[in-house]
C-alpha atoms as a PDB file:
ATOM      1  CA  MET A   1     -24.901  11.637  -9.839  1.00  0.00           C
ATOM      2  CA  ILE A   2     -21.635   9.144  -9.993  1.00  0.00           C
ATOM      3  CA  LYS A   3     -18.265  10.673  -9.674  1.00  0.00           C
ATOM      4  CA  VAL A   4     -15.465   9.081 -11.174  1.00  0.00           C
ATOM      5  CA  ILE A   5     -12.338   9.610  -9.354  1.00  0.00           C
ATOM      6  CA  GLN A   6      -9.213   9.059 -11.700  1.00  0.00           C
ATOM      7  CA  ASP A   7      -5.855   8.072 -10.426  1.00  0.00           C
ATOM      8  CA  GLU A   8      -3.226  10.608 -11.003  1.00  0.00           C
ATOM      9  CA  MET A   9      -0.572   7.899 -11.936  1.00  0.00           C
ATOM     10  CA  GLU A  10       0.273   7.383 -15.663  1.00  0.00           C
ATOM     11  CA  PHE A  11       1.068   3.840 -16.996  1.00  0.00           C
ATOM     12  CA  LYS A  12       3.817   3.586 -19.506  1.00  0.00           C
ATOM     13  CA  ILE A  13       2.997   0.611 -22.294  1.00  0.00           C
ATOM     14  CA  GLU A  14       5.465  -1.539 -20.402  1.00  0.00           C
ATOM     15  CA  TYR A  15       5.523  -4.076 -17.598  1.00  0.00           C
ATOM     16  CA  GLU A  16       8.376  -5.691 -15.450  1.00  0.00           C
ATOM     17  CA  LEU A  17       8.411  -9.391 -15.404  1.00  0.00           C
ATOM     18  CA  LYS A  18      10.739 -10.817 -12.713  1.00  0.00           C
ATOM     19  CA  ASN A  19      11.691 -14.557 -12.512  1.00  0.00           C
ATOM     20  CA  TRP A  20      11.493 -15.413  -8.801  1.00  0.00           C
ATOM     21  CA  LYS A  21      14.317 -17.912  -8.989  1.00  0.00           C
ATOM     22  CA  THR A  22      17.045 -16.215 -11.009  1.00  0.00           C
ATOM     23  CA  LYS A  23      15.885 -12.739 -10.013  1.00  0.00           C
ATOM     24  CA  GLU A  24      16.246 -11.646 -13.485  1.00  0.00           C
ATOM     25  CA  ILE A  25      14.045  -8.897 -14.651  1.00  0.00           C
ATOM     26  CA  GLN A  26      12.702  -8.151 -18.006  1.00  0.00           C
ATOM     27  CA  ILE A  27      11.095  -4.842 -19.213  1.00  0.00           C
ATOM     28  CA  ILE A  28       8.366  -5.660 -21.768  1.00  0.00           C
ATOM     29  CA  LYS A  29       6.301  -3.630 -23.990  1.00  0.00           C
ATOM     30  CA  ALA A  30       2.644  -4.187 -23.694  1.00  0.00           C
ATOM     31  CA  PRO A  31       0.689  -4.349 -26.854  1.00  0.00           C
ATOM     32  CA  GLU A  32      -0.419  -1.067 -27.826  1.00  0.00           C
ATOM     33  CA  ARG A  33      -3.795  -2.398 -28.486  1.00  0.00           C
ATOM     34  CA  ILE A  34      -4.500  -2.824 -25.078  1.00  0.00           C
ATOM     35  CA  PHE A  35      -5.046   0.766 -24.153  1.00  0.00           C
ATOM     36  CA  ASP A  36      -7.349   1.110 -26.995  1.00  0.00           C
ATOM     37  CA  LEU A  37      -9.861  -1.439 -25.734  1.00  0.00           C
ATOM     38  CA  ASN A  38     -13.304  -0.286 -24.709  1.00  0.00           C
ATOM     39  CA  PHE A  39     -15.541  -1.855 -21.898  1.00  0.00           C
ATOM     40  CA  LYS A  40     -17.487  -3.909 -24.752  1.00  0.00           C
ATOM     41  CA  GLU A  41     -14.224  -5.385 -26.115  1.00  0.00           C
ATOM     42  CA  ILE A  42     -13.000  -6.404 -22.573  1.00  0.00           C
ATOM     43  CA  VAL A  43     -16.272  -8.019 -21.258  1.00  0.00           C
ATOM     44  CA  SER A  44     -16.263  -9.874 -24.838  1.00  0.00           C
ATOM     45  CA  ILE A  45     -12.744 -11.411 -23.822  1.00  0.00           C
ATOM     46  CA  PHE A  46     -13.406 -12.143 -20.477  1.00  0.00           C
ATOM     47  CA  GLY A  47     -17.066 -12.282 -19.882  1.00  0.00           C
ATOM     48  CA  ASN A  48     -17.763 -12.151 -16.139  1.00  0.00           C
ATOM     49  CA  TYR A  49     -14.483 -13.876 -15.570  1.00  0.00           C
ATOM     50  CA  GLY A  50     -12.817 -10.222 -15.553  1.00  0.00           C
ATOM     51  CA  PHE A  51     -15.136  -8.971 -12.546  1.00  0.00           C
ATOM     52  CA  GLY A  52     -13.815  -9.079  -9.458  1.00  0.00           C
ATOM     53  CA  LEU A  53     -10.250  -8.151 -10.455  1.00  0.00           C
ATOM     54  CA  ASN A  54      -8.221  -4.971  -9.284  1.00  0.00           C
ATOM     55  CA  ILE A  55      -7.152  -2.682 -12.127  1.00  0.00           C
ATOM     56  CA  ALA A  56      -3.449  -4.675 -12.336  1.00  0.00           C
ATOM     57  CA  GLU A  57      -4.667  -8.082 -12.656  1.00  0.00           C
ATOM     58  CA  LEU A  58      -7.072  -6.886 -15.387  1.00  0.00           C
ATOM     59  CA  THR A  59      -4.268  -5.105 -17.225  1.00  0.00           C
ATOM     60  CA  PHE A  60      -2.386  -8.114 -17.311  1.00  0.00           C
ATOM     61  CA  LEU A  61      -5.085 -10.447 -18.086  1.00  0.00           C
ATOM     62  CA  LEU A  62      -5.728  -8.300 -21.059  1.00  0.00           C
ATOM     63  CA  ILE A  63      -2.042  -8.251 -22.032  1.00  0.00           C
ATOM     64  CA  PHE A  64      -1.541 -12.161 -21.651  1.00  0.00           C
ATOM     65  CA  HIS A  65      -4.971 -12.486 -23.881  1.00  0.00           C
ATOM     66  CA  LEU A  66      -3.454 -10.271 -26.417  1.00  0.00           C
ATOM     67  CA  GLU A  67       0.013 -12.155 -26.415  1.00  0.00           C
ATOM     68  CA  GLU A  68      -1.946 -15.205 -27.049  1.00  0.00           C
ATOM     69  CA  TRP A  69      -1.327 -17.137 -23.541  1.00  0.00           C
ATOM     70  CA  GLY A  70      -3.984 -19.546 -22.306  1.00  0.00           C
ATOM     71  CA  ILE A  71      -5.359 -17.830 -18.676  1.00  0.00           C
ATOM     72  CA  ILE A  72      -6.409 -20.098 -15.842  1.00  0.00           C
ATOM     73  CA  ARG A  73      -7.066 -18.138 -12.541  1.00  0.00           C
ATOM     74  CA  LEU A  74      -5.657 -19.887  -9.561  1.00  0.00           C
ATOM     75  CA  PRO A  75      -6.239 -21.389  -6.934  1.00  0.00           C
ATOM     76  CA  LEU A  76      -8.566 -23.898  -8.492  1.00  0.00           C
ATOM     77  CA  ASN A  77     -11.662 -24.568  -6.575  1.00  0.00           C
ATOM     78  CA  ARG A  78     -11.328 -28.340  -5.636  1.00  0.00           C
ATOM     79  CA  TYR A  79     -15.323 -28.986  -5.770  1.00  0.00           C
ATOM     80  CA  HIS A  80     -16.217 -27.306  -8.968  1.00  0.00           C
ATOM     81  CA  TRP A  81     -17.241 -29.436 -11.892  1.00  0.00           C
ATOM     82  CA  SER A  82     -14.926 -28.120 -14.500  1.00  0.00           C
ATOM     83  CA  THR A  83     -11.803 -28.668 -12.417  1.00  0.00           C
ATOM     84  CA  ASP A  84     -11.351 -32.203 -13.802  1.00  0.00           C
ATOM     85  CA  TYR A  85     -11.497 -30.737 -17.340  1.00  0.00           C
ATOM     86  CA  ILE A  86      -8.943 -28.195 -16.440  1.00  0.00           C
ATOM     87  CA  LEU A  87      -6.569 -30.718 -14.395  1.00  0.00           C
ATOM     88  CA  THR A  88      -6.175 -33.115 -16.748  1.00  0.00           C
ATOM     89  CA  PRO A  89      -4.489 -31.416 -19.952  1.00  0.00           C
ATOM     90  CA  LEU A  90      -2.468 -29.589 -17.373  1.00  0.00           C
ATOM     91  CA  LYS A  91      -0.999 -32.565 -16.036  1.00  0.00           C
ATOM     92  CA  ARG A  92      -0.814 -34.337 -19.537  1.00  0.00           C
ATOM     93  CA  GLU A  93       0.892 -31.558 -21.541  1.00  0.00           C
ATOM     94  CA  PHE A  94       2.723 -29.737 -18.847  1.00  0.00           C
ATOM     95  CA  MET A  95       3.470 -32.304 -15.972  1.00  0.00           C
ATOM     96  CA  ILE A  96       2.098 -29.689 -13.556  1.00  0.00           C
ATOM     97  CA  GLU A  97       1.549 -31.378 -10.032  1.00  0.00           C
ATOM     98  CA  GLU A  98      -2.271 -31.083  -9.129  1.00  0.00           C
ATOM     99  CA  GLU A  99      -1.805 -30.184  -5.644  1.00  0.00           C
ATOM    100  CA  SER A 100       0.102 -27.021  -6.887  1.00  0.00           C
ATOM    101  CA  LEU A 101      -3.211 -25.411  -8.143  1.00  0.00           C
ATOM    102  CA  PHE A 102      -4.851 -25.456  -4.982  1.00  0.00           C
ATOM    103  CA  GLY A 103      -4.812 -23.630  -1.657  1.00  0.00           C
ATOM    104  CA  LYS A 104      -3.139 -20.482  -0.073  1.00  0.00           C
ATOM    105  CA  GLY A 105      -0.077 -19.139  -1.361  1.00  0.00           C
ATOM    106  CA  CYS A 106      -0.795 -20.332  -5.204  1.00  0.00           C
ATOM    107  CA  PRO A 107      -0.053 -17.610  -7.646  1.00  0.00           C
ATOM    108  CA  ASP A 108      -2.948 -15.420  -9.347  1.00  0.00           C
ATOM    109  CA  PHE A 109      -2.690 -17.373 -12.904  1.00  0.00           C
ATOM    110  CA  LEU A 110      -1.040 -20.078 -14.839  1.00  0.00           C
ATOM    111  CA  LEU A 111      -0.510 -19.026 -18.195  1.00  0.00           C
ATOM    112  CA  THR A 112      -0.298 -21.873 -21.094  1.00  0.00           C
ATOM    113  CA  ASN A 113       0.919 -21.771 -24.433  1.00  0.00           C
ATOM    114  CA  ASN A 114       0.166 -25.127 -25.990  1.00  0.00           C
ATOM    115  CA  LYS A 115       1.784 -24.457 -29.408  1.00  0.00           C
ATOM    116  CA  LYS A 116       5.345 -23.888 -27.108  1.00  0.00           C
ATOM    117  CA  LYS A 117       4.167 -26.556 -24.871  1.00  0.00           C
ATOM    118  CA  GLU A 118       5.228 -23.861 -22.069  1.00  0.00           C
ATOM    119  CA  PHE A 119       3.668 -22.721 -19.154  1.00  0.00           C
ATOM    120  CA  LYS A 120       4.452 -19.866 -16.165  1.00  0.00           C
ATOM    121  CA  PHE A 121       2.913 -19.045 -12.922  1.00  0.00           C
ATOM    122  CA  VAL A 122       2.206 -15.456 -12.651  1.00  0.00           C
ATOM    123  CA  GLU A 123       1.771 -13.427  -9.481  1.00  0.00           C
ATOM    124  CA  ILE A 124       0.750  -9.876 -10.075  1.00  0.00           C
ATOM    125  CA  LYS A 125       1.663  -7.121  -7.558  1.00  0.00           C
ATOM    126  CA  GLN A 126       0.735  -3.502  -7.203  1.00  0.00           C
ATOM    127  CA  TRP A 127       3.484  -1.164  -7.062  1.00  0.00           C
ATOM    128  CA  GLU A 128       5.643  -1.551  -4.010  1.00  0.00           C
ATOM    129  CA  ASP A 129       3.707  -4.953  -2.788  1.00  0.00           C
ATOM    130  CA  SER A 130       5.531  -8.133  -2.245  1.00  0.00           C
ATOM    131  CA  LEU A 131       5.246 -11.936  -1.806  1.00  0.00           C
ATOM    132  CA  ASN A 132       3.760 -13.025   1.401  1.00  0.00           C
ATOM    133  CA  ASP A 133       4.884 -15.741   3.611  1.00  0.00           C
ATOM    134  CA  ASN A 134       2.408 -18.372   2.182  1.00  0.00           C
ATOM    135  CA  GLN A 135       3.523 -17.601  -1.421  1.00  0.00           C
ATOM    136  CA  ILE A 136       7.221 -17.866  -0.342  1.00  0.00           C
ATOM    137  CA  ARG A 137       6.407 -21.478   0.891  1.00  0.00           C
ATOM    138  CA  TRP A 138       4.627 -22.383  -2.165  1.00  0.00           C
ATOM    139  CA  VAL A 139       7.329 -21.267  -4.278  1.00  0.00           C
ATOM    140  CA  GLU A 140      10.169 -23.019  -2.431  1.00  0.00           C
ATOM    141  CA  LYS A 141       7.917 -26.016  -2.235  1.00  0.00           C
ATOM    142  CA  TYR A 142       7.035 -26.418  -5.795  1.00  0.00           C
ATOM    143  CA  ASN A 143       9.878 -25.205  -7.769  1.00  0.00           C
ATOM    144  CA  TYR A 144       8.196 -23.948 -10.666  1.00  0.00           C
ATOM    145  CA  ASN A 145       9.235 -21.082 -12.190  1.00  0.00           C
ATOM    146  CA  VAL A 146       7.347 -18.389 -11.015  1.00  0.00           C
ATOM    147  CA  PHE A 147       7.120 -14.703 -12.456  1.00  0.00           C
ATOM    148  CA  ILE A 148       6.176 -11.601 -10.756  1.00  0.00           C
ATOM    149  CA  THR A 149       4.487  -9.054 -12.910  1.00  0.00           C
ATOM    150  CA  ARG A 150       4.136  -4.878 -12.134  1.00  0.00           C
ATOM    151  CA  LEU A 151       3.074  -2.147 -14.492  1.00  0.00           C
ATOM    152  CA  ILE A 152       5.973   0.380 -14.789  1.00  0.00           C
ATOM    153  CA  SER A 153       4.363   3.629 -13.647  1.00  0.00           C
ATOM    154  CA  GLN A 154       5.867   7.112 -14.765  1.00  0.00           C
ATOM    155  CA  ARG A 155       5.288  10.174 -12.132  1.00  0.00           C
END
């Protein structure tokens, strides 16, 4: 018999997006559809990609997917066969420095929007978690806009 333990914390359909540079915080309404997705739909969106993620990461991936962002999990594996296929358009379209996509401190995700020629690095944090020393060094070194996201909880 499998026992399911449910977290007592409920989620509003909002999340916080904080710009690391400006410290500006936006409260954004997540697409309502995210909470209506069933397991089969989630797997069809991410396939095996969604496995190994914590609940906050999975929730935000679904939000970003429904907001029509292209999603790249970071850091990239320097030795994987597909890395060059990812790097070439990123460098050409968004002028992203190649080294920023590898190694310690790299944010969790790179979101791209080809229509708007826009990208953003996103670090997903659980409730009271904050950036560690490696992440702070990365942010200071590359000077990209990095956004820290958190689900807004109601107690």
